Protein backbone atom coordinates (compact mmCIF):
# COMPACT_ATOMS: atom_id res chain seq x y z
CA SER A 1 32.16 -60.32 28.09
CA PRO A 2 28.54 -60.18 29.29
CA ARG A 3 25.90 -61.46 26.88
CA GLN A 4 22.16 -61.16 26.44
CA THR A 5 19.73 -63.54 24.76
CA CYS A 6 17.05 -62.13 22.46
CA LEU A 7 14.09 -63.95 20.94
CA TYR A 8 12.57 -63.26 17.52
CA ARG A 9 9.31 -64.65 16.10
CA CYS A 10 8.45 -64.78 12.39
CA ALA A 11 5.03 -64.80 10.67
CA ASN A 12 5.14 -68.63 10.63
CA ASP A 13 5.35 -68.58 14.46
CA HIS A 14 8.94 -69.92 14.55
CA THR A 15 11.07 -68.60 17.40
CA THR A 16 14.75 -67.82 16.86
CA GLU A 17 17.09 -67.28 19.79
CA MET A 18 20.10 -65.01 19.27
CA ILE A 19 22.88 -64.14 21.69
CA PHE A 20 24.37 -60.64 21.56
CA SER A 21 26.98 -58.78 23.54
CA ALA A 22 25.41 -56.89 26.45
CA ASP A 23 26.55 -53.56 24.98
CA ALA A 24 25.45 -54.34 21.39
CA GLU A 25 22.60 -52.50 19.71
CA ILE A 26 19.83 -55.09 19.38
CA PRO A 27 18.15 -55.26 15.94
CA VAL A 28 14.33 -55.10 15.97
CA ALA A 29 14.17 -57.84 13.31
CA TRP A 30 16.20 -60.97 12.55
CA GLY A 31 15.98 -63.66 9.87
CA CYS A 32 14.27 -66.86 10.99
CA LYS A 33 16.62 -69.87 11.07
CA GLN A 34 13.84 -72.22 9.91
CA CYS A 35 12.07 -70.39 7.08
CA SER A 36 14.21 -67.28 6.42
CA LEU A 37 11.31 -64.87 6.96
CA GLU A 38 12.04 -61.82 9.05
CA GLY A 39 11.20 -62.27 12.73
CA ALA A 40 10.28 -59.47 15.15
CA LEU A 41 12.08 -58.93 18.45
CA LEU A 42 10.08 -60.22 21.44
CA ASP A 43 9.95 -58.64 24.89
CA VAL A 44 10.38 -60.57 28.16
CA GLU A 45 6.68 -61.54 28.10
CA GLY A 46 7.02 -63.08 24.63
CA LYS A 47 5.12 -60.29 22.89
CA GLN A 48 6.39 -58.30 19.93
CA ALA A 49 8.63 -55.57 21.38
CA PHE A 50 8.09 -53.02 18.59
CA GLU A 51 5.18 -52.31 16.30
CA THR A 52 6.56 -53.47 12.97
CA GLU A 53 4.72 -55.10 10.10
CA LEU A 54 6.21 -58.53 9.49
CA PRO A 55 6.45 -59.61 5.87
CA LYS A 56 4.02 -62.30 4.80
CA ALA A 57 5.21 -65.66 3.57
CA PRO A 58 5.94 -65.52 -0.15
CA ARG A 59 3.23 -66.94 -2.40
CA THR A 60 4.06 -70.03 -4.40
CA HIS A 61 3.69 -70.21 -8.18
CA PHE A 62 0.72 -72.55 -7.68
CA GLU A 63 -1.04 -70.06 -5.37
CA MET A 64 -0.59 -67.32 -7.97
CA LEU A 65 -1.87 -69.67 -10.68
CA LEU A 66 -5.00 -70.37 -8.63
CA GLU A 67 -5.63 -66.62 -8.48
CA ARG A 68 -5.89 -66.57 -12.29
CA ARG A 69 -7.63 -69.88 -13.05
CA SER A 70 -10.06 -72.19 -11.27
CA ARG A 71 -9.18 -75.82 -10.59
CA GLU A 72 -11.78 -76.84 -13.19
CA GLU A 73 -10.05 -74.69 -15.83
CA LEU A 74 -6.69 -76.17 -14.89
CA GLU A 75 -8.04 -79.73 -15.14
CA GLU A 76 -9.49 -78.92 -18.58
CA LEU A 77 -6.16 -77.46 -19.76
CA LEU A 78 -4.25 -80.46 -18.42
CA THR A 79 -6.56 -82.90 -20.22
CA GLU A 80 -6.24 -80.90 -23.45
CA ARG A 81 -2.43 -80.74 -23.28
CA LEU A 82 -2.08 -84.43 -22.39
CA GLY A 83 -4.27 -85.28 -25.39
CA GLU A 84 -2.03 -83.18 -27.67
CA LEU A 85 1.08 -84.85 -26.23
CA LYS A 86 -0.33 -88.35 -26.75
CA ALA A 87 -1.32 -87.48 -30.34
CA ARG A 88 2.13 -86.08 -31.07
CA ARG A 89 3.81 -89.17 -29.62
CA ALA A 90 1.51 -91.45 -31.61
CA ARG A 91 2.41 -89.57 -34.81
CA GLY A 92 6.10 -89.89 -33.94
CA GLN A 93 5.80 -93.66 -33.47
CA ALA A 94 3.88 -93.99 -36.74
CA ASP A 95 6.55 -91.96 -38.56
CA ALA A 96 9.31 -94.14 -37.09
CA THR A 97 7.65 -97.40 -38.20
CA ASN A 98 7.11 -96.11 -41.78
CA SER A 99 10.79 -95.25 -42.30
C-alpha cells in the first residue's frame, strides 16, 4: 500500500521520521525517538506545520534546587553536613575502640 513519510521536530531540535499509510490521518505531534519529548509535525519546507505549543524539556531536580538556593548556600550546607558526618563517624570509631 502507498506510504508517506512525515517529519517531527521536538524542542531539543531532534528530528524524527515516521512512515504512515497514505490514507492514514497524520498526527500533529509525535514522541521524539531520542529524548521522548513531543515533536511537532513539519511541512515540506521543514517548518512547523501547525501552530502548537511544544512542551519544554522537564527541569532536573538540580535546576529546581538552584531556584531555591544559591550555589554559595549549597556549598555552606554541604560543608556543614560533611562536618556532621565526620564527627558522627569519629564518635562511632571511638565507641568501637572503647568496647
